[in-house]
Amino acid sequence: MLLRQFLPLFLVAVVFFVLLLQLLDVFSNIWRFFAHDVTLAQIAWIVLLYLPKCVSFALPVAFLFAISYTLGLFYANNELFAIFGSGVSLHRLVVPFLVLGVALSAASFFFEDVIVIPTFRQKNAAYAQAVKLVTSLSQSNVTVTSPDQQRVYQADYYNDVQKRLTNLTVVVRGPDMNLQRRLDAQWAEWNGSRWVLHDCRVFTWDPGTNMLEDEHRDTWDDPLLAEPPDTFEKLARNVAEMDRTESETYVASIRRAGLPYKAALTDYYRKFSFACTPLIVALIASSLGSTFRKNILLMSLLSALVISVIYYVAQMVAVILSKNGYIPPLAGAWTPFTLFLVLGFMLFRTART
């Protein structure tokens, strides 16, 4: 009986919040669409690609609203008194909601990884193409370290289109981290598997004489100079557009290259914490739902929006603190979840039963 009344409300709530998110996205970008003469067909395609992401965002809010409204209706109709009077506690009554919260948390993670991320990436690409946004991954003054720490690359400029490094210096170290060789090249190009250096001066350390030997090479082709070009790219890639495997590889690559990685690592951990949001929602909504007897629709909607805003703001603050190094990335991703989980258990224990 409980789920039979809950499920239609939940589906309607999902549709409502998805529509709200879609309208916010369209109207916030409508001036760009008009400025670049974007057709209705292009806008419709962008909206369609954004739909899974909207479902992902709307699911926890709709879940909270539907649980609160369902329990509020039971309370207003005096059905909760009959249920409690028959010996069924609130804790036992809302077990289906808690089980559904756990199931939705697991399903949300795979839904995000398999469907939301690919479509969101396509949506961003379609939007950028429609409004003629150009993102360059080239950057100047770039330094990269190989995974084994034995080769350090420093270039004045990396050209992402041509896969070329300008004014490149490579320091080659041995297993004991002592200097073996230094390479100074005017430019280097990626041949698909390694960097080929051109107009290169080679300084080789001779341990016997304790001197550097200097020679000039038109080209220098070393299979060990195989650091992939994407390591030299500007950190403009968005972890939100990568699935779990891609984001894990990306974080590992920039971390071993000695580049700033805390922001990407925080976003990676958030993939797991965000998926668990329905579980928090189930606990909090089950505790608050039985307190509404008047204006149930308004109070349920208001509580869903207020709690969601507070939770997302807490997440945003924690992520900012983490990305700026004030707290570890793991804490930045999981602290809001942990706090609201504890709050949910406290409310659940003290709820009317």
Protein backbone atom coordinates (compact mmCIF):
# COMPACT_ATOMS: atom_id res chain seq x y z
CA MET A 1 0.00 0.00 0.00
CA LEU A 2 2.82 2.39 0.89
CA LEU A 3 4.76 1.84 -2.34
CA ARG A 4 1.57 1.87 -4.41
CA GLN A 5 0.91 5.43 -3.30
CA PHE A 6 4.59 6.42 -3.39
CA LEU A 7 5.63 5.32 -6.90
CA PRO A 8 3.23 7.54 -8.94
CA LEU A 9 4.23 10.55 -6.82
CA PHE A 10 7.89 9.72 -7.33
CA LEU A 11 7.56 9.48 -11.11
CA VAL A 12 5.61 12.75 -11.31
CA ALA A 13 8.21 14.45 -9.12
CA VAL A 14 11.07 13.21 -11.32
CA VAL A 15 9.33 14.60 -14.41
CA PHE A 16 8.67 17.92 -12.68
CA PHE A 17 12.26 18.44 -11.48
CA VAL A 18 13.71 17.29 -14.82
CA LEU A 19 11.52 19.80 -16.61
CA LEU A 20 12.61 22.51 -14.18
CA LEU A 21 16.31 21.76 -14.77
CA GLN A 22 15.84 21.67 -18.53
CA LEU A 23 14.09 25.04 -18.53
CA LEU A 24 16.81 26.57 -16.37
CA ASP A 25 19.50 25.31 -18.73
CA VAL A 26 17.72 26.46 -21.90
CA PHE A 27 16.79 29.92 -20.64
CA SER A 28 20.24 30.54 -19.14
CA ASN A 29 21.76 29.91 -22.58
CA ILE A 30 19.01 31.30 -24.80
CA TRP A 31 20.92 34.49 -25.54
CA ARG A 32 23.81 32.44 -26.91
CA PHE A 33 21.42 30.43 -29.07
CA PHE A 34 19.94 33.59 -30.56
CA ALA A 35 23.36 35.21 -31.01
CA HIS A 36 24.65 32.26 -33.04
CA ASP A 37 21.42 31.44 -34.91
CA VAL A 38 21.13 28.00 -33.36
CA THR A 39 18.25 26.07 -34.93
CA LEU A 40 15.40 24.47 -32.99
CA ALA A 41 16.63 21.06 -34.08
CA GLN A 42 20.06 21.74 -32.54
CA ILE A 43 18.48 23.01 -29.31
CA ALA A 44 16.22 19.94 -29.16
CA TRP A 45 19.26 17.66 -29.61
CA ILE A 46 21.13 19.45 -26.81
CA VAL A 47 18.07 19.17 -24.56
CA LEU A 48 17.76 15.45 -25.33
CA LEU A 49 21.42 14.80 -24.54
CA TYR A 50 21.05 16.72 -21.28
CA LEU A 51 18.06 14.61 -20.20
CA PRO A 52 20.02 11.79 -18.45
CA LYS A 53 22.04 14.34 -16.48
CA CYS A 54 18.82 16.05 -15.39
CA VAL A 55 17.41 12.70 -14.26
CA SER A 56 20.59 12.13 -12.25
CA PHE A 57 20.21 15.50 -10.52
CA ALA A 58 16.43 15.24 -10.07
CA LEU A 59 16.35 11.72 -8.67
CA PRO A 60 17.41 12.49 -5.05
CA VAL A 61 15.21 15.61 -4.82
CA ALA A 62 12.19 13.78 -6.24
CA PHE A 63 12.83 10.85 -3.92
CA LEU A 64 12.88 13.13 -0.89
CA PHE A 65 9.71 14.94 -1.96
CA ALA A 66 7.78 11.76 -2.75
CA ILE A 67 8.61 10.11 0.59
CA SER A 68 7.75 13.26 2.57
CA TYR A 69 4.49 13.77 0.70
CA THR A 70 3.44 10.12 0.99
CA LEU A 71 4.02 10.01 4.75
CA GLY A 72 2.40 13.45 5.11
CA LEU A 73 -0.76 12.18 3.42
CA PHE A 74 -0.83 9.17 5.74
CA TYR A 75 -0.47 11.50 8.72
CA ALA A 76 -3.12 13.96 7.52
CA ASN A 77 -5.61 11.14 6.88
CA ASN A 78 -4.95 9.67 10.35
CA GLU A 79 -3.68 6.49 8.73
CA LEU A 80 -0.37 6.69 10.60
CA PHE A 81 -2.21 6.56 13.93
CA ALA A 82 -3.95 3.38 12.83
CA ILE A 83 -0.65 1.88 11.66
CA PHE A 84 1.18 2.81 14.86
CA GLY A 85 -1.77 1.61 16.94
CA SER A 86 -1.59 -1.81 15.31
CA GLY A 87 1.98 -2.20 16.57
CA VAL A 88 3.86 -1.24 13.39
CA SER A 89 6.54 1.36 14.18
CA LEU A 90 7.70 4.05 11.80
CA HIS A 91 11.06 2.30 11.55
CA ARG A 92 9.40 -0.83 10.28
CA LEU A 93 6.95 1.08 8.07
CA VAL A 94 9.65 2.88 6.09
CA VAL A 95 11.87 -0.18 5.51
CA PRO A 96 10.73 -0.28 1.82
CA PHE A 97 11.95 3.32 1.42
CA LEU A 98 15.33 2.49 2.94
CA VAL A 99 15.72 -0.60 0.75
CA LEU A 100 14.71 1.46 -2.27
CA GLY A 101 17.24 4.13 -1.25
CA VAL A 102 20.06 1.56 -1.19
CA ALA A 103 18.93 0.13 -4.55
CA LEU A 104 18.71 3.59 -6.12
CA SER A 105 22.19 4.45 -4.80
CA ALA A 106 23.69 1.41 -6.52
CA ALA A 107 21.66 1.97 -9.68
CA SER A 108 22.58 5.68 -9.75
CA PHE A 109 26.29 4.89 -9.82
CA PHE A 110 26.00 2.60 -12.86
CA PHE A 111 23.46 4.86 -14.54
CA GLU A 112 25.89 7.77 -14.15
CA ASP A 113 28.86 5.77 -15.39
CA VAL A 114 27.20 4.09 -18.37
CA ILE A 115 24.58 6.57 -19.61
CA VAL A 116 24.88 10.01 -18.00
CA ILE A 117 28.59 10.62 -18.61
CA PRO A 118 28.66 9.75 -22.35
CA THR A 119 25.52 11.77 -23.09
CA PHE A 120 26.69 14.70 -20.95
CA ARG A 121 29.99 14.72 -22.86
CA GLN A 122 28.08 14.73 -26.16
CA LYS A 123 25.81 17.49 -24.86
CA ASN A 124 28.76 19.72 -23.99
CA ALA A 125 30.35 19.03 -27.38
CA ALA A 126 27.09 19.76 -29.22
CA TYR A 127 26.59 22.96 -27.22
CA ALA A 128 30.17 24.12 -27.88
CA GLN A 129 29.75 23.46 -31.58
CA ALA A 130 26.38 25.23 -31.72
CA VAL A 131 27.58 28.40 -30.00
CA LYS A 132 31.09 28.18 -31.52
CA LEU A 133 33.03 27.73 -28.31
CA VAL A 134 36.66 26.75 -28.91
CA THR A 135 38.73 25.11 -26.18
CA SER A 136 42.47 24.93 -26.69
CA LEU A 137 44.55 22.38 -24.79
CA SER A 138 47.83 24.01 -25.80
CA GLN A 139 49.82 25.67 -23.04
CA SER A 140 53.11 27.43 -22.38
CA ASN A 141 55.85 26.77 -19.84
CA VAL A 142 54.95 23.13 -19.20
CA THR A 143 56.95 20.70 -17.03
CA VAL A 144 56.23 16.97 -16.88
CA THR A 145 57.91 14.10 -15.03
CA SER A 146 57.80 10.49 -16.26
CA PRO A 147 56.17 7.84 -14.06
CA ASP A 148 59.54 6.40 -12.98
CA GLN A 149 60.86 9.93 -12.20
CA GLN A 150 63.86 9.31 -14.48
CA ARG A 151 62.93 11.81 -17.22
CA VAL A 152 61.91 15.43 -16.68
CA TYR A 153 60.52 17.41 -19.63
CA GLN A 154 60.43 21.21 -19.71
CA ALA A 155 59.11 23.03 -22.79
CA ASP A 156 58.36 26.66 -23.56
CA TYR A 157 55.19 25.70 -25.44
CA TYR A 158 53.06 22.65 -26.22
CA ASN A 159 50.97 22.80 -29.42
CA ASP A 160 48.01 20.45 -29.02
CA VAL A 161 46.96 20.61 -32.68
CA GLN A 162 50.38 19.70 -34.07
CA LYS A 163 51.45 17.57 -31.06
CA ARG A 164 54.69 19.56 -30.91
CA LEU A 165 56.93 20.84 -28.12
CA THR A 166 58.99 23.99 -28.63
CA ASN A 167 62.33 24.74 -26.90
CA LEU A 168 62.33 21.41 -25.11
CA THR A 169 64.79 20.38 -22.40
CA VAL A 170 64.85 16.78 -21.20
CA VAL A 171 66.85 15.72 -18.14
CA VAL A 172 67.55 11.98 -18.08
CA ARG A 173 68.44 10.39 -14.75
CA GLY A 174 69.54 6.89 -13.84
CA PRO A 175 67.89 4.49 -11.38
CA ASP A 176 69.90 6.17 -8.61
CA MET A 177 68.51 9.57 -9.75
CA ASN A 178 71.97 10.79 -10.79
CA LEU A 179 72.27 12.86 -13.97
CA GLN A 180 72.98 10.81 -17.10
CA ARG A 181 72.10 13.11 -19.96
CA ARG A 182 70.55 16.44 -20.84
CA LEU A 183 68.84 17.07 -24.17
CA ASP A 184 68.19 20.58 -25.49
CA ALA A 185 66.06 20.59 -28.65
CA GLN A 186 64.61 23.42 -30.70
CA TRP A 187 61.44 21.39 -31.13
CA ALA A 188 60.06 17.87 -30.79
CA GLU A 189 57.24 16.07 -32.54
CA TRP A 190 55.13 13.08 -31.51
CA ASN A 191 55.43 10.21 -34.01
CA GLY A 192 52.66 8.10 -32.46
CA SER A 193 54.75 6.26 -29.89
CA ARG A 194 57.50 8.65 -28.70
CA TRP A 195 58.96 12.13 -29.02
CA VAL A 196 61.49 12.77 -31.78
CA LEU A 197 63.77 15.72 -31.00
CA HIS A 198 65.11 18.02 -33.74
CA ASP A 199 68.17 20.31 -33.80
CA CYS A 200 69.29 18.82 -30.52
CA ARG A 201 72.32 19.35 -28.31
CA VAL A 202 73.18 16.32 -26.21
CA PHE A 203 75.08 16.70 -22.94
CA THR A 204 76.22 13.33 -21.57
CA TRP A 205 77.76 12.93 -18.14
CA ASP A 206 81.01 10.97 -18.08
CA PRO A 207 81.54 9.63 -14.53
CA GLY A 208 85.15 8.80 -15.36
CA THR A 209 86.17 12.38 -16.09
CA ASN A 210 83.33 14.06 -14.11
CA MET A 211 82.62 16.18 -17.17
CA LEU A 212 79.75 16.73 -19.60
CA GLU A 213 80.35 15.67 -23.20
CA ASP A 214 78.64 17.98 -25.70
CA GLU A 215 77.53 16.94 -29.17
CA HIS A 216 74.99 18.12 -31.74
CA ARG A 217 72.38 15.90 -33.38
CA ASP A 218 69.96 16.84 -36.15
CA THR A 219 67.49 14.38 -34.66
CA TRP A 220 67.36 12.38 -31.46
CA ASP A 221 65.06 9.36 -31.38
CA ASP A 222 64.88 7.58 -28.03
CA PRO A 223 62.11 5.00 -27.36
CA LEU A 224 62.17 5.98 -23.68
CA LEU A 225 60.88 9.48 -24.45
CA ALA A 226 57.34 8.13 -24.58
CA GLU A 227 55.36 10.37 -22.24
CA PRO A 228 51.98 10.71 -24.05
CA PRO A 229 50.95 14.12 -25.43
CA ASP A 230 47.84 14.38 -23.25
CA THR A 231 50.15 14.69 -20.23
CA PHE A 232 51.35 18.03 -21.63
CA GLU A 233 47.83 19.35 -22.23
CA LYS A 234 46.32 22.20 -20.29
CA LEU A 235 44.24 20.84 -17.42
CA ALA A 236 40.97 21.68 -19.15
CA ARG A 237 39.50 18.20 -19.11
CA ASN A 238 36.48 17.75 -16.90
CA VAL A 239 36.32 14.68 -14.69
CA ALA A 240 32.51 15.00 -14.79
CA GLU A 241 32.72 13.98 -18.47
CA MET A 242 34.76 10.83 -17.75
CA ASP A 243 33.58 7.46 -16.52
CA ARG A 244 35.17 5.81 -13.52
CA THR A 245 37.98 4.10 -15.45
CA GLU A 246 38.84 7.18 -17.52
CA SER A 247 38.86 9.50 -14.52
CA GLU A 248 40.98 7.09 -12.49
CA THR A 249 43.54 6.90 -15.31
CA TYR A 250 43.47 10.66 -15.80
CA VAL A 251 44.06 11.40 -12.11
CA ALA A 252 46.93 8.90 -12.01
CA SER A 253 48.56 10.41 -15.11
CA ILE A 254 48.53 14.02 -13.91
CA ARG A 255 49.57 12.95 -10.43
CA ARG A 256 52.66 11.08 -11.61
CA ALA A 257 53.49 13.97 -13.96
CA GLY A 258 53.76 16.28 -10.96
CA LEU A 259 50.78 18.41 -12.04
CA PRO A 260 48.02 19.73 -9.70
CA TYR A 261 45.72 16.79 -9.11
CA LYS A 262 43.65 17.53 -5.99
CA ALA A 263 40.72 19.05 -7.89
CA ALA A 264 40.49 16.07 -10.25
CA LEU A 265 40.88 13.58 -7.39
CA THR A 266 38.10 15.29 -5.43
CA ASP A 267 35.77 15.11 -8.43
CA TYR A 268 36.68 11.43 -8.83
CA TYR A 269 35.72 10.64 -5.23
CA ARG A 270 32.48 12.63 -5.66
CA LYS A 271 31.33 10.12 -8.25
CA PHE A 272 30.94 7.62 -5.41
CA SER A 273 29.59 9.95 -2.73
CA PHE A 274 26.98 11.53 -5.02
CA ALA A 275 25.65 8.10 -6.00
CA CYS A 276 24.88 7.40 -2.34
CA THR A 277 22.65 10.47 -1.99
CA PRO A 278 19.32 8.51 -2.22
CA LEU A 279 20.26 6.66 0.97
CA ILE A 280 20.59 9.94 2.88
CA VAL A 281 17.37 11.17 1.32
CA ALA A 282 15.49 8.06 2.45
CA LEU A 283 16.62 8.52 6.06
CA ILE A 284 15.88 12.25 6.28
CA ALA A 285 12.58 12.12 4.38
CA SER A 286 11.32 9.17 6.45
CA SER A 287 12.00 11.20 9.58
CA LEU A 288 10.44 14.47 8.40
CA GLY A 289 7.48 13.14 6.44
CA SER A 290 5.39 12.26 9.47
CA THR A 291 5.65 15.82 10.87
CA PHE A 292 3.57 17.47 8.11
CA ARG A 293 -0.17 17.55 8.67
CA LYS A 294 -1.15 20.82 7.00
CA ASN A 295 -0.10 22.21 3.62
CA ILE A 296 1.47 18.83 2.91
CA LEU A 297 2.25 19.47 -0.75
CA LEU A 298 3.85 22.84 -0.08
CA MET A 299 5.80 21.68 2.98
CA SER A 300 7.04 18.52 1.25
CA LEU A 301 8.17 20.49 -1.79
CA LEU A 302 9.77 23.16 0.38
CA SER A 303 11.61 20.65 2.56
CA ALA A 304 12.89 18.80 -0.51
CA LEU A 305 14.24 22.00 -2.05
CA VAL A 306 15.71 23.39 1.20
CA ILE A 307 17.47 20.16 2.19
CA SER A 308 18.76 19.66 -1.37
CA VAL A 309 20.13 23.20 -1.52
CA ILE A 310 21.83 22.87 1.88
CA TYR A 311 23.34 19.51 0.87
CA TYR A 312 24.64 20.76 -2.48
CA VAL A 313 26.00 23.95 -0.91
CA ALA A 314 27.79 21.85 1.73
CA GLN A 315 29.23 19.73 -1.08
CA MET A 316 30.34 22.83 -2.96
CA VAL A 317 32.06 24.31 0.10
CA ALA A 318 33.80 21.02 0.91
CA VAL A 319 34.98 20.65 -2.69
CA ILE A 320 36.35 24.22 -2.73
CA LEU A 321 38.23 23.58 0.52
CA SER A 322 39.61 20.35 -0.90
CA LYS A 323 40.67 21.84 -4.23
CA ASN A 324 42.51 24.62 -2.40
CA GLY A 325 44.36 22.15 -0.20
CA TYR A 326 42.67 22.93 3.13
CA ILE A 327 41.29 19.39 3.51
CA PRO A 328 42.20 16.11 1.76
CA PRO A 329 40.31 15.22 -1.46
CA LEU A 330 38.68 12.22 0.21
CA ALA A 331 37.31 14.45 2.97
CA GLY A 332 36.13 17.02 0.43
CA ALA A 333 34.03 14.41 -1.33
CA TRP A 334 32.69 12.45 1.63
CA THR A 335 32.37 14.95 4.52
CA PRO A 336 28.93 16.33 3.48
CA PHE A 337 27.64 12.80 2.92
CA THR A 338 28.90 11.67 6.33
CA LEU A 339 27.43 14.68 8.15
CA PHE A 340 24.01 14.28 6.51
CA LEU A 341 24.09 10.52 7.09
CA VAL A 342 24.65 11.12 10.81
CA LEU A 343 21.90 13.77 10.78
CA GLY A 344 19.57 11.32 9.05
CA PHE A 345 20.18 8.63 11.67
CA MET A 346 19.62 11.13 14.51
CA LEU A 347 16.35 12.35 13.01
CA PHE A 348 15.28 8.79 12.29
CA ARG A 349 15.82 7.72 15.91
CA THR A 350 13.86 10.68 17.29
CA ALA A 351 11.01 10.61 14.73
CA ARG A 352 7.40 10.17 15.81
CA THR A 353 6.59 6.45 15.95
